[in-house]
Amino acid sequence: MRRDWTGWCAGAWLLLGMAVAQAGEVKVSEATRFEQVDLVDVGGLIPEATLEIRYAGDDNFVGRPVDGYLAPKCYLLRPAAEALRQVAIDLAGDGYRLRLFDCYRPVRAVRDFVRWARDPADQRTKPRFYPNLDKSKLLDGYIAETSGHSRGATVDLGLERCDGARCELLDMGTGFDRFDTLANTDDPRIGGEQKIHRQRLRQAMERRGFRNYPLEWWHYIFQPEPTPSTAYDIPVQ
């Protein structure tokens, strides 16, 4: 029997919304510099990690650099950054390293996503990122008007397997930011090595205090969040 993944996704989003409501209103900080809030440059803290910050360039579902991304850098609040460094150290012993797709995300970038999602004329990236969805449905559960990334403790990432100086991104069953239930971490259609790779990433992240968001294999939130009621809008530069 085919599982009703549409219903499952709706239930997951409902639970997420309840959790946000219980946490209280999130306010946007007036800070204008990373030093004011201890957002740390993860590239400096984990120099061996590969930074493929998608929203700083054209290789993303919007198809252009996103507002607020002036450089391809990864920032996280210090507790999350230091925990991620421990993940990297743990994995290095087994020949793996991290590839980072997104970290802290300015509030203005989230607003840019929403504007894009409300523009039905721009369908350039549909074949790659949402081939099985009408663009009008993206705001029903894939693109939110607020994002945990803006609170500085959420990271999107994949795993690389290294053989000497050569590292290759592991196959996780979908690409990053694929708007499809195949990207759900435990989607039963994902098996074999792809499933093993997802499990390896989740185990490594959970060991250091990160919780997976079940609709996206790449999405992890550090727990407890250092500033659960505060978002930031400092440009990434």
Protein backbone atom coordinates (compact mmCIF):
# COMPACT_ATOMS: atom_id res chain seq x y z
CA MET A 1 0.00 0.00 0.00
CA ARG A 2 1.31 3.45 -0.93
CA ARG A 3 1.94 5.65 2.07
CA ASP A 4 0.16 9.02 2.04
CA TRP A 5 3.25 11.24 2.19
CA THR A 6 1.21 14.36 1.53
CA GLY A 7 -0.71 13.80 4.76
CA TRP A 8 2.47 12.95 6.63
CA CYS A 9 4.12 16.17 5.48
CA ALA A 10 1.11 18.22 6.52
CA GLY A 11 1.23 16.62 9.98
CA ALA A 12 4.93 17.33 10.32
CA TRP A 13 4.44 20.97 9.40
CA LEU A 14 1.59 21.24 11.91
CA LEU A 15 3.83 19.96 14.67
CA LEU A 16 6.56 22.36 13.62
CA GLY A 17 4.12 25.25 13.71
CA MET A 18 2.96 24.25 17.19
CA ALA A 19 6.55 24.15 18.42
CA VAL A 20 7.23 27.62 17.04
CA ALA A 21 4.06 28.96 18.65
CA GLN A 22 5.03 27.48 22.01
CA ALA A 23 8.46 29.06 21.75
CA GLY A 24 6.87 32.50 21.50
CA GLU A 25 7.29 35.33 19.04
CA VAL A 26 10.64 35.61 17.30
CA LYS A 27 11.99 39.15 17.15
CA VAL A 28 14.59 40.50 14.75
CA SER A 29 17.76 41.73 16.45
CA GLU A 30 18.95 45.28 15.85
CA ALA A 31 22.56 44.07 15.64
CA THR A 32 24.48 45.16 12.54
CA ARG A 33 27.76 43.26 13.08
CA PHE A 34 28.45 39.60 13.72
CA GLU A 35 30.69 40.45 16.65
CA GLN A 36 27.75 41.93 18.53
CA VAL A 37 25.97 38.54 18.70
CA ASP A 38 28.93 36.10 18.52
CA LEU A 39 28.16 34.69 15.09
CA VAL A 40 31.33 32.78 14.19
CA ASP A 41 32.95 32.28 10.77
CA VAL A 42 32.71 28.48 10.46
CA GLY A 43 35.09 28.44 7.51
CA GLY A 44 37.84 29.65 9.83
CA LEU A 45 36.84 27.29 12.63
CA ILE A 46 36.62 24.22 10.31
CA PRO A 47 39.06 25.04 7.48
CA GLU A 48 38.87 21.53 6.04
CA ALA A 49 35.12 21.79 5.38
CA THR A 50 33.99 22.49 1.83
CA LEU A 51 31.93 25.68 1.60
CA GLU A 52 29.41 25.49 -1.21
CA ILE A 53 27.16 28.31 -0.02
CA ARG A 54 24.51 28.05 -2.70
CA TYR A 55 22.60 31.27 -2.04
CA ALA A 56 25.67 33.41 -2.65
CA GLY A 57 25.67 32.38 -6.33
CA ASP A 58 23.37 31.22 -9.12
CA ASP A 59 23.26 27.49 -8.29
CA ASN A 60 20.07 27.48 -6.22
CA PHE A 61 16.30 27.28 -6.64
CA VAL A 62 16.01 31.07 -7.12
CA GLY A 63 18.62 30.94 -9.89
CA ARG A 64 20.58 34.01 -8.74
CA PRO A 65 22.35 35.39 -5.65
CA VAL A 66 19.87 35.85 -2.81
CA ASP A 67 19.43 39.12 -0.92
CA GLY A 68 21.77 39.29 2.07
CA TYR A 69 24.45 36.95 0.66
CA LEU A 70 27.40 39.14 -0.28
CA ALA A 71 29.99 36.36 0.12
CA PRO A 72 30.01 32.54 0.15
CA LYS A 73 30.55 32.24 3.89
CA CYS A 74 29.05 30.19 6.72
CA TYR A 75 28.30 31.75 10.11
CA LEU A 76 26.75 30.14 13.19
CA LEU A 77 26.35 31.22 16.79
CA ARG A 78 29.39 30.04 18.74
CA PRO A 79 27.82 27.03 20.57
CA ALA A 80 26.50 25.64 17.28
CA ALA A 81 29.74 26.38 15.45
CA GLU A 82 31.85 24.63 18.09
CA ALA A 83 29.52 21.62 18.09
CA LEU A 84 29.80 21.41 14.30
CA ARG A 85 33.59 21.49 14.63
CA GLN A 86 33.34 18.42 16.86
CA VAL A 87 31.22 16.71 14.20
CA ALA A 88 33.95 17.43 11.65
CA ILE A 89 36.63 16.01 13.96
CA ASP A 90 34.58 12.87 14.60
CA LEU A 91 34.05 12.24 10.89
CA ALA A 92 37.63 12.97 9.84
CA GLY A 93 38.85 9.85 11.60
CA ASP A 94 36.74 7.74 9.25
CA GLY A 95 37.74 9.62 6.11
CA TYR A 96 34.75 11.96 5.81
CA ARG A 97 34.38 15.72 5.81
CA LEU A 98 31.53 18.21 5.71
CA ARG A 99 30.17 20.11 2.74
CA LEU A 100 28.21 23.16 3.89
CA PHE A 101 25.37 24.47 1.72
CA ASP A 102 23.88 27.09 4.06
CA CYS A 103 24.23 28.22 7.66
CA TYR A 104 23.01 31.47 9.20
CA ARG A 105 20.52 33.09 6.81
CA PRO A 106 19.60 36.79 7.06
CA VAL A 107 15.92 37.64 7.46
CA ARG A 108 16.07 39.62 4.21
CA ALA A 109 17.06 36.43 2.37
CA VAL A 110 13.96 34.63 3.65
CA ARG A 111 11.81 37.52 2.43
CA ASP A 112 13.52 37.22 -0.96
CA PHE A 113 12.56 33.53 -1.12
CA VAL A 114 8.93 34.40 -0.43
CA ARG A 115 8.86 37.09 -3.13
CA TRP A 116 10.30 34.60 -5.61
CA ALA A 117 7.76 31.93 -4.65
CA ARG A 118 4.93 34.40 -5.30
CA ASP A 119 6.15 35.11 -8.83
CA PRO A 120 4.51 32.48 -11.09
CA ALA A 121 6.31 33.76 -14.18
CA ASP A 122 9.78 32.69 -13.01
CA GLN A 123 9.96 28.93 -13.65
CA ARG A 124 13.63 28.67 -14.67
CA THR A 125 14.67 26.27 -11.93
CA LYS A 126 11.61 24.02 -11.93
CA PRO A 127 13.18 21.02 -13.78
CA ARG A 128 15.92 20.66 -11.19
CA PHE A 129 14.39 21.76 -7.89
CA TYR A 130 10.63 21.20 -8.04
CA PRO A 131 9.80 19.12 -11.15
CA ASN A 132 6.78 17.42 -9.55
CA LEU A 133 5.23 20.48 -7.91
CA ASP A 134 3.34 23.50 -9.12
CA LYS A 135 5.25 26.57 -7.98
CA SER A 136 2.13 27.89 -6.25
CA LYS A 137 2.39 24.98 -3.79
CA LEU A 138 5.87 25.85 -2.55
CA LEU A 139 4.51 28.22 0.11
CA ASP A 140 2.28 25.43 1.42
CA GLY A 141 5.11 23.71 3.25
CA TYR A 142 8.45 24.07 1.49
CA ILE A 143 9.21 27.80 1.71
CA ALA A 144 8.30 29.44 5.02
CA GLU A 145 7.95 33.15 5.76
CA THR A 146 10.30 32.72 8.74
CA SER A 147 13.31 30.43 9.02
CA GLY A 148 15.23 28.84 11.87
CA HIS A 149 18.38 29.57 9.87
CA SER A 150 17.94 33.23 10.79
CA ARG A 151 18.38 32.34 14.46
CA GLY A 152 21.96 31.25 13.80
CA ALA A 153 21.89 27.61 14.92
CA THR A 154 20.70 25.75 11.81
CA VAL A 155 22.90 24.30 9.10
CA ASP A 156 22.31 22.61 5.73
CA LEU A 157 25.04 20.17 4.81
CA GLY A 158 26.14 16.97 3.13
CA LEU A 159 29.03 14.52 3.49
CA GLU A 160 32.15 13.99 1.43
CA ARG A 161 34.24 10.80 1.35
CA CYS A 162 37.95 11.52 1.15
CA ASP A 163 40.66 9.37 -0.40
CA GLY A 164 43.90 11.15 0.22
CA ALA A 165 43.63 14.69 -1.13
CA ARG A 166 40.56 13.87 -3.23
CA CYS A 167 37.08 14.23 -1.72
CA GLU A 168 33.77 13.41 -3.39
CA LEU A 169 30.24 14.37 -2.33
CA LEU A 170 28.24 11.32 -1.24
CA ASP A 171 24.99 10.45 -3.02
CA MET A 172 22.09 11.15 -0.64
CA GLY A 173 19.30 10.24 -3.04
CA THR A 174 18.41 13.83 -3.96
CA GLY A 175 20.29 17.04 -4.34
CA PHE A 176 20.21 19.84 -1.79
CA ASP A 177 16.96 21.86 -1.80
CA ARG A 178 15.00 19.33 -3.82
CA PHE A 179 11.33 20.15 -3.12
CA ASP A 180 10.06 16.59 -3.08
CA THR A 181 9.17 13.94 -0.51
CA LEU A 182 12.20 11.97 -1.71
CA ALA A 183 14.19 14.48 0.34
CA ASN A 184 12.44 13.34 3.55
CA THR A 185 15.23 11.81 5.62
CA ASP A 186 13.48 8.44 6.09
CA ASP A 187 11.57 8.23 2.82
CA PRO A 188 11.18 4.44 2.26
CA ARG A 189 12.08 4.73 -1.42
CA ILE A 190 15.64 5.66 -0.43
CA GLY A 191 17.70 2.54 0.19
CA GLY A 192 21.13 1.04 -0.25
CA GLU A 193 24.14 3.33 -0.02
CA GLN A 194 22.00 6.47 -0.18
CA LYS A 195 20.18 5.43 3.00
CA ILE A 196 23.47 4.52 4.69
CA HIS A 197 24.90 7.94 3.83
CA ARG A 198 21.89 9.73 5.31
CA GLN A 199 22.12 7.64 8.46
CA ARG A 200 25.84 8.31 8.81
CA LEU A 201 25.27 12.05 8.62
CA ARG A 202 22.39 11.95 11.09
CA GLN A 203 24.28 9.83 13.61
CA ALA A 204 27.30 12.13 13.47
CA MET A 205 25.19 15.26 13.90
CA GLU A 206 22.99 13.86 16.68
CA ARG A 207 26.05 12.79 18.65
CA ARG A 208 26.98 16.48 18.99
CA GLY A 209 23.55 17.90 19.76
CA PHE A 210 22.01 18.56 16.34
CA ARG A 211 18.46 17.43 15.50
CA ASN A 212 17.42 16.57 11.97
CA TYR A 213 14.38 18.20 10.38
CA PRO A 214 12.65 15.06 8.99
CA LEU A 215 11.46 16.60 5.72
CA GLU A 216 15.01 17.48 4.61
CA TRP A 217 17.96 15.10 4.96
CA TRP A 218 20.40 18.06 4.89
CA HIS A 219 18.77 20.24 7.57
CA TYR A 220 20.00 20.19 11.20
CA ILE A 221 19.21 22.39 14.20
CA PHE A 222 21.52 22.66 17.20
CA GLN A 223 19.75 21.96 20.51
CA PRO A 224 19.12 23.82 22.68
CA GLU A 225 19.11 26.83 20.38
CA PRO A 226 21.23 29.63 21.87
CA THR A 227 18.72 32.38 20.91
CA PRO A 228 15.40 30.67 20.14
CA SER A 229 13.41 33.93 20.17
CA THR A 230 15.83 36.10 18.20
CA ALA A 231 16.47 36.25 14.45
CA TYR A 232 19.22 38.25 12.76
CA ASP A 233 19.40 40.29 9.58
CA ILE A 234 23.13 40.99 9.25
CA PRO A 235 24.31 40.42 5.64
CA VAL A 236 26.68 37.51 5.04
CA GLN A 237 29.96 39.08 4.00
